[in-house]
C-alpha atoms as a PDB file:
ATOM      1  CA  MET A   1     112.417  84.300 105.629  1.00  0.00           C
ATOM      2  CA  SER A   2     109.740  86.388 107.631  1.00  0.00           C
ATOM      3  CA  ILE A   3     110.398  88.852 110.638  1.00  0.00           C
ATOM      4  CA  ASP A   4     108.293  88.637 113.005  1.00  0.00           C
ATOM      5  CA  THR A   5     107.635  92.453 114.030  1.00  0.00           C
ATOM      6  CA  ASP A   6     105.789  91.753 117.156  1.00  0.00           C
ATOM      7  CA  ASN A   7     108.935  91.490 118.783  1.00  0.00           C
ATOM      8  CA  LEU A   8     109.835  94.974 117.914  1.00  0.00           C
ATOM      9  CA  PRO A   9     110.107  97.458 120.805  1.00  0.00           C
ATOM     10  CA  PRO A  10     107.068  99.806 121.020  1.00  0.00           C
ATOM     11  CA  VAL A  11     106.967 103.067 119.701  1.00  0.00           C
ATOM     12  CA  PRO A  12     107.172 106.058 122.280  1.00  0.00           C
ATOM     13  CA  SER A  13     104.180 107.303 123.426  1.00  0.00           C
ATOM     14  CA  GLY A  14     105.455 110.819 123.425  1.00  0.00           C
ATOM     15  CA  GLY A  15     104.693 113.832 121.048  1.00  0.00           C
ATOM     16  CA  LEU A  16     103.935 113.198 117.121  1.00  0.00           C
ATOM     17  CA  CYS A  17     108.062 114.726 116.418  1.00  0.00           C
ATOM     18  CA  GLU A  18     109.023 111.585 119.219  1.00  0.00           C
ATOM     19  CA  GLN A  19     106.760 109.143 117.534  1.00  0.00           C
ATOM     20  CA  ALA A  20     107.729 109.971 113.894  1.00  0.00           C
ATOM     21  CA  TRP A  21     110.932 110.293 115.034  1.00  0.00           C
ATOM     22  CA  ALA A  22     111.232 106.527 116.158  1.00  0.00           C
ATOM     23  CA  GLU A  23     109.038 105.079 113.464  1.00  0.00           C
ATOM     24  CA  PHE A  24     111.665 106.593 111.001  1.00  0.00           C
ATOM     25  CA  ARG A  25     114.788 104.612 113.399  1.00  0.00           C
ATOM     26  CA  LYS A  26     112.924 101.749 113.342  1.00  0.00           C
ATOM     27  CA  CYS A  27     113.453 101.675 109.434  1.00  0.00           C
ATOM     28  CA  LEU A  28     116.802 101.890 109.908  1.00  0.00           C
ATOM     29  CA  ARG A  29     117.239  99.418 112.559  1.00  0.00           C
ATOM     30  CA  LYS A  30     119.231  95.844 111.075  1.00  0.00           C
ATOM     31  CA  ASP A  31     116.654  93.921 111.161  1.00  0.00           C
ATOM     32  CA  ASN A  32     114.480  95.961 109.379  1.00  0.00           C
ATOM     33  CA  TYR A  33     116.807  97.942 106.810  1.00  0.00           C
ATOM     34  CA  GLY A  34     115.771  96.880 103.199  1.00  0.00           C
ATOM     35  CA  ARG A  35     113.030  94.854 104.301  1.00  0.00           C
ATOM     36  CA  MET A  36     110.435  94.199 101.385  1.00  0.00           C
ATOM     37  CA  SER A  37     108.020  91.274 103.071  1.00  0.00           C
ATOM     38  CA  GLY A  38     105.519  92.921 105.585  1.00  0.00           C
ATOM     39  CA  ARG A  39     102.963  95.765 105.741  1.00  0.00           C
ATOM     40  CA  ALA A  40     103.661  99.341 106.950  1.00  0.00           C
ATOM     41  CA  GLY A  41     101.327 101.452 108.181  1.00  0.00           C
ATOM     42  CA  ARG A  42     100.624 105.420 106.784  1.00  0.00           C
ATOM     43  CA  PHE A  43     102.334 106.839 110.012  1.00  0.00           C
ATOM     44  CA  GLU A  44     105.312 104.933 109.320  1.00  0.00           C
ATOM     45  CA  TYR A  45     105.535 105.244 105.832  1.00  0.00           C
ATOM     46  CA  TRP A  46     105.191 109.141 106.069  1.00  0.00           C
ATOM     47  CA  SER A  47     107.324 109.260 108.846  1.00  0.00           C
ATOM     48  CA  ALA A  48     110.098 107.626 106.940  1.00  0.00           C
ATOM     49  CA  THR A  49     109.482 109.447 104.134  1.00  0.00           C
ATOM     50  CA  ILE A  50     109.363 112.853 105.171  1.00  0.00           C
ATOM     51  CA  ILE A  51     112.162 112.247 107.783  1.00  0.00           C
ATOM     52  CA  GLY A  52     114.480 110.511 105.443  1.00  0.00           C
ATOM     53  CA  SER A  53     113.393 113.472 102.916  1.00  0.00           C
ATOM     54  CA  LEU A  54     115.057 116.277 105.521  1.00  0.00           C
ATOM     55  CA  ILE A  55     118.033 114.476 106.106  1.00  0.00           C
ATOM     56  CA  THR A  56     119.224 114.281 102.586  1.00  0.00           C
ATOM     57  CA  LEU A  57     118.458 117.509 102.141  1.00  0.00           C
ATOM     58  CA  LEU A  58     120.099 119.227 105.283  1.00  0.00           C
ATOM     59  CA  PRO A  59     123.630 119.386 103.745  1.00  0.00           C
ATOM     60  CA  LEU A  60     122.754 121.330 100.554  1.00  0.00           C
ATOM     61  CA  PRO A  61     122.748 124.603 101.893  1.00  0.00           C
ATOM     62  CA  PHE A  62     126.167 124.369 102.188  1.00  0.00           C
ATOM     63  CA  LEU A  63     126.419 123.705  98.605  1.00  0.00           C
ATOM     64  CA  LEU A  64     126.449 127.232  97.970  1.00  0.00           C
ATOM     65  CA  ILE A  65     129.658 128.303 100.391  1.00  0.00           C
ATOM     66  CA  PRO A  66     131.803 129.399  97.526  1.00  0.00           C
ATOM     67  CA  PHE A  67     134.882 127.111  98.848  1.00  0.00           C
ATOM     68  CA  ALA A  68     135.243 124.097  96.548  1.00  0.00           C
ATOM     69  CA  ILE A  69     136.403 122.328  99.074  1.00  0.00           C
ATOM     70  CA  ILE A  70     133.409 122.378 101.279  1.00  0.00           C
ATOM     71  CA  GLN A  71     131.590 122.117  98.345  1.00  0.00           C
ATOM     72  CA  ALA A  72     132.725 119.037  97.708  1.00  0.00           C
ATOM     73  CA  LEU A  73     132.612 117.641 101.339  1.00  0.00           C
ATOM     74  CA  PHE A  74     129.220 118.596 101.836  1.00  0.00           C
ATOM     75  CA  LEU A  75     128.001 116.973  98.440  1.00  0.00           C
ATOM     76  CA  LEU A  76     129.985 113.667  99.173  1.00  0.00           C
ATOM     77  CA  ILE A  77     128.083 113.871 102.616  1.00  0.00           C
ATOM     78  CA  SER A  78     124.801 114.259 100.634  1.00  0.00           C
ATOM     79  CA  LEU A  79     125.371 111.412  98.266  1.00  0.00           C
ATOM     80  CA  TYR A  80     126.204 109.129 101.070  1.00  0.00           C
ATOM     81  CA  LEU A  81     122.811 109.736 103.221  1.00  0.00           C
ATOM     82  CA  ILE A  82     120.865 109.703 100.104  1.00  0.00           C
ATOM     83  CA  VAL A  83     122.418 106.082  99.428  1.00  0.00           C
ATOM     84  CA  TYR A  84     122.392 104.979 102.853  1.00  0.00           C
ATOM     85  CA  LEU A  85     118.669 105.900 103.093  1.00  0.00           C
ATOM     86  CA  ALA A  86     117.289 104.913  99.381  1.00  0.00           C
ATOM     87  CA  LEU A  87     116.892 101.062 100.510  1.00  0.00           C
ATOM     88  CA  PRO A  88     114.724 101.994 103.963  1.00  0.00           C
ATOM     89  CA  LEU A  89     112.547 104.441 102.363  1.00  0.00           C
ATOM     90  CA  ILE A  90     112.371 101.986  99.047  1.00  0.00           C
ATOM     91  CA  SER A  91     111.487  98.949 101.444  1.00  0.00           C
ATOM     92  CA  VAL A  92     109.138 101.336 103.379  1.00  0.00           C
ATOM     93  CA  TYR A  93     107.539 102.106  99.939  1.00  0.00           C
ATOM     94  CA  VAL A  94     107.018  98.558  99.135  1.00  0.00           C
ATOM     95  CA  ARG A  95     105.655  97.559 102.463  1.00  0.00           C
ATOM     96  CA  ARG A  96     103.227 100.963 102.754  1.00  0.00           C
ATOM     97  CA  LEU A  97     101.614  99.316  98.923  1.00  0.00           C
ATOM     98  CA  HIS A  98     101.698  95.401 100.804  1.00  0.00           C
ATOM     99  CA  ASP A  99      99.510  97.214 103.560  1.00  0.00           C
ATOM    100  CA  VAL A 100      96.759  98.190 100.723  1.00  0.00           C
ATOM    101  CA  GLY A 101      97.265  95.418  99.128  1.00  0.00           C
ATOM    102  CA  TYR A 102      99.521  96.024  96.054  1.00  0.00           C
ATOM    103  CA  SER A 103     102.261  94.768  95.254  1.00  0.00           C
ATOM    104  CA  GLY A 104     105.962  96.461  95.071  1.00  0.00           C
ATOM    105  CA  TYR A 105     106.220  95.836  91.158  1.00  0.00           C
ATOM    106  CA  TRP A 106     104.231  98.829  90.901  1.00  0.00           C
ATOM    107  CA  ILE A 107     107.211 100.886  92.001  1.00  0.00           C
ATOM    108  CA  ALA A 108     109.873  99.582  89.647  1.00  0.00           C
ATOM    109  CA  PHE A 109     107.476  99.821  86.879  1.00  0.00           C
ATOM    110  CA  HIS A 110     107.121 103.622  87.704  1.00  0.00           C
ATOM    111  CA  TYR A 111     110.668 103.963  87.756  1.00  0.00           C
ATOM    112  CA  ALA A 112     111.484 101.847  84.633  1.00  0.00           C
ATOM    113  CA  ILE A 113     109.404 104.144  82.582  1.00  0.00           C
ATOM    114  CA  VAL A 114     111.278 106.996  84.299  1.00  0.00           C
ATOM    115  CA  ALA A 115     114.423 105.372  83.568  1.00  0.00           C
ATOM    116  CA  ILE A 116     113.773 104.279  80.094  1.00  0.00           C
ATOM    117  CA  VAL A 117     112.949 108.051  78.866  1.00  0.00           C
ATOM    118  CA  PHE A 118     115.795 109.159  80.240  1.00  0.00           C
ATOM    119  CA  ALA A 119     117.554 106.747  78.256  1.00  0.00           C
ATOM    120  CA  VAL A 120     116.201 107.141  75.178  1.00  0.00           C
ATOM    121  CA  ALA A 121     117.191 110.871  75.594  1.00  0.00           C
ATOM    122  CA  VAL A 122     120.846 110.178  76.575  1.00  0.00           C
ATOM    123  CA  PHE A 123     120.752 107.998  73.314  1.00  0.00           C
ATOM    124  CA  HIS A 124     119.181 110.795  71.087  1.00  0.00           C
ATOM    125  CA  ALA A 125     121.716 113.533  72.518  1.00  0.00           C
ATOM    126  CA  THR A 126     124.676 110.914  71.945  1.00  0.00           C
ATOM    127  CA  GLN A 127     123.409 110.274  68.389  1.00  0.00           C
ATOM    128  CA  ALA A 128     123.738 113.883  67.923  1.00  0.00           C
ATOM    129  CA  ALA A 129     127.260 114.224  69.347  1.00  0.00           C
ATOM    130  CA  MET A 130     128.316 111.657  66.819  1.00  0.00           C
ATOM    131  CA  ILE A 131     127.314 114.460  64.019  1.00  0.00           C
ATOM    132  CA  ASP A 132     128.201 117.578  65.546  1.00  0.00           C
ATOM    133  CA  LEU A 133     130.589 117.530  68.536  1.00  0.00           C
ATOM    134  CA  SER A 134     129.827 120.993  69.697  1.00  0.00           C
ATOM    135  CA  LEU A 135     128.172 121.402  72.651  1.00  0.00           C
ATOM    136  CA  SER A 136     125.892 123.715  72.484  1.00  0.00           C
ATOM    137  CA  TYR A 137     124.782 121.627  69.514  1.00  0.00           C
ATOM    138  CA  ILE A 138     124.479 118.555  72.036  1.00  0.00           C
ATOM    139  CA  ILE A 139     122.607 120.284  75.209  1.00  0.00           C
ATOM    140  CA  GLU A 140     120.354 121.833  72.140  1.00  0.00           C
ATOM    141  CA  GLU A 141     119.449 118.329  70.645  1.00  0.00           C
ATOM    142  CA  THR A 142     119.074 116.864  74.252  1.00  0.00           C
ATOM    143  CA  LYS A 143     116.658 119.686  75.255  1.00  0.00           C
ATOM    144  CA  PHE A 144     114.583 118.614  72.097  1.00  0.00           C
ATOM    145  CA  HIS A 145     114.208 114.629  72.555  1.00  0.00           C
ATOM    146  CA  MET A 146     113.525 115.649  76.114  1.00  0.00           C
ATOM    147  CA  GLU A 147     110.932 118.123  75.323  1.00  0.00           C
ATOM    148  CA  HIS A 148     109.395 115.147  72.975  1.00  0.00           C
ATOM    149  CA  LEU A 149     110.241 112.422  75.062  1.00  0.00           C
ATOM    150  CA  PHE A 150     108.003 114.341  78.056  1.00  0.00           C
ATOM    151  CA  ARG A 151     105.251 115.455  75.744  1.00  0.00           C
ATOM    152  CA  TYR A 152     104.288 111.502  75.094  1.00  0.00           C
ATOM    153  CA  THR A 153     105.417 109.755  78.713  1.00  0.00           C
ATOM    154  CA  SER A 154     104.057 112.700  81.054  1.00  0.00           C
ATOM    155  CA  LEU A 155     100.435 111.972  81.410  1.00  0.00           C
ATOM    156  CA  PRO A 156     100.956 108.067  81.830  1.00  0.00           C
ATOM    157  CA  THR A 157     103.969 108.811  84.355  1.00  0.00           C
ATOM    158  CA  THR A 158     101.934 111.564  86.158  1.00  0.00           C
ATOM    159  CA  LEU A 159      99.226 109.063  86.324  1.00  0.00           C
ATOM    160  CA  LEU A 160     100.977 106.433  87.509  1.00  0.00           C
ATOM    161  CA  SER A 161     102.631 108.709  90.108  1.00  0.00           C
ATOM    162  CA  LEU A 162      98.596 110.163  91.510  1.00  0.00           C
ATOM    163  CA  PHE A 163      98.272 106.699  91.996  1.00  0.00           C
ATOM    164  CA  LEU A 164     100.760 105.441  94.128  1.00  0.00           C
ATOM    165  CA  PHE A 165     100.397 108.905  96.141  1.00  0.00           C
ATOM    166  CA  LEU A 166      96.974 107.710  96.337  1.00  0.00           C
ATOM    167  CA  LEU A 167      97.903 104.295  97.261  1.00  0.00           C
ATOM    168  CA  THR A 168     100.064 105.564 100.708  1.00  0.00           C
ATOM    169  CA  VAL A 169      97.434 108.236 101.484  1.00  0.00           C
ATOM    170  CA  LEU A 170      94.690 105.599 101.594  1.00  0.00           C
ATOM    171  CA  PRO A 171      93.961 103.192 104.922  1.00  0.00           C
ATOM    172  CA  GLY A 172      95.111  99.963 104.795  1.00  0.00           C
ATOM    173  CA  ASN A 173      93.251  96.741 104.929  1.00  0.00           C
ATOM    174  CA  THR A 174      91.461  96.182 108.110  1.00  0.00           C
ATOM    175  CA  THR A 175      92.147  92.304 107.793  1.00  0.00           C
ATOM    176  CA  SER A 176      95.397  90.190 107.049  1.00  0.00           C
ATOM    177  CA  ASN A 177      96.297  90.271 103.320  1.00  0.00           C
ATOM    178  CA  LYS A 178      98.773  88.154 101.068  1.00  0.00           C
ATOM    179  CA  TYR A 179     101.576  90.274 102.612  1.00  0.00           C
ATOM    180  CA  GLY A 180     100.864  89.668 106.181  1.00  0.00           C
ATOM    181  CA  ASP A 181      98.458  90.777 108.983  1.00  0.00           C
ATOM    182  CA  LYS A 182      97.430  93.869 109.920  1.00  0.00           C
ATOM    183  CA  VAL A 183      99.051  96.628 111.007  1.00  0.00           C
END
């Protein structure tokens, strides 16, 4: 199902902050929430990414308050914001890659590498836990395996992250591509 983005209300012509806020709100609208098809321009992507990141970080200073009930409340608020904003931010990332002519599967590939490295480290830590159940031993084994895994995977992961970052900075295709018309 294709959604026609020409029917969306125009972005206000006010200042840069007003335009960025409008682009962020556009990502959260019901007809645009989690939409992976189509294309997103640089301004839409960076507005959504920066504002979404700042919003998820807002409750974090309250975690320093020394009352457990307040910490728990703001931790739940922070987790809610992260879960609520994850899909729109990933979808605008996918649409940004579409704008430069790349598939959104590059993002999945990147996160899969990170998840595999983490899963292997956890597996090795649990194997270490079967040998000796002391917490300090488990922590040391986890650190050891994480250091070795990151030593071998940090370069490819960093290069892929840099590649994806550069794709978000580059201007989009000036003509239509297989993901839709020019933004």
